[in-house]
Amino acid sequence: MRKFAIISPENPQSSAVTPKENEERKKKFEKVNGPEGRRRGFRKMEGVYGGKENSYFIPHMSKSEALEIGKEYDQTSIIYGEVKTNENGEAYAEMTEIYSTEQFNEETGELEHGIGDLKGGTTTVFIDIPPTQDDLYSKTYGQKFGIPLPNYKDYTHLKNATWDDRNKGTLKQILPSGDIKKFDYGNQIDIEKIPEKDMKEMNFLTGELLRENKTAKYRRECRSQIDCILGEYII
């Protein structure tokens, strides 16, 4: 079975830094992880997630080594995957997003997430992105694609989509025909049914949203994870 990682050396701890610093971090990554370095080579990937971001696909990599690289470049998380084969002989990639550095609550100092903790659920597919889409994609060899991890609940609807009424939880998408397609997520959240563990997670994510200098991608991830948690308790 083939195991791989997708890692970016840019924007440590999801905090935006200068283009010059990102360029220096990228050059170091390529030198260390290239054929002449201590790693096993890589494939360059570029993408846009609220802003440009460069990342790298590294094949034949163990989870522990992938987490080591993520920690080395002070990344909040990495994507780790494994190519498997189903009963029909069809290959697919099973991927998870994993914390590669410890995450602490700034107010209490308590450890919220340890290295190796899952940041979201598991997904088994890459999805094709239209050539005209200019945000929320990765690209390699000219092919645009996305990784619809479960914590990005509304990922496939993000193109031309806006929140119609956040309180009612209705997402609408403008189709090429001009028609509006709505996705109803329910009208009310049963707060009393949310367990302490999920409330703690949402409080942590909310705190992350309020931190200064975070990237647009990271803030979007936090909001998506909050939406996923709330989605379990819609009446």
Foldseek 3Di string as FASTA:
>chain_A
DKKKWKFFLACAPQFHDDPVVSVVSVVVCCVQQDPVHPHDHWFWKWFAALHTTIITMGMRDDPVVNLVVCVVSRHQWIKIWDWDADPVRDIWIKIFIFGSDWDADPVPRHTDHHGGDTPAAIDTHKAFDDLPDRHQWMDGPRTTIHDPTVLQVCSVQPVQKDDPDVQQQKIWHQDPVRDIDIDGLARDFPVVPQDPNLVVLLVSLVSVLPDPRGRSNSNSSSVSNNVSSRSVGHD
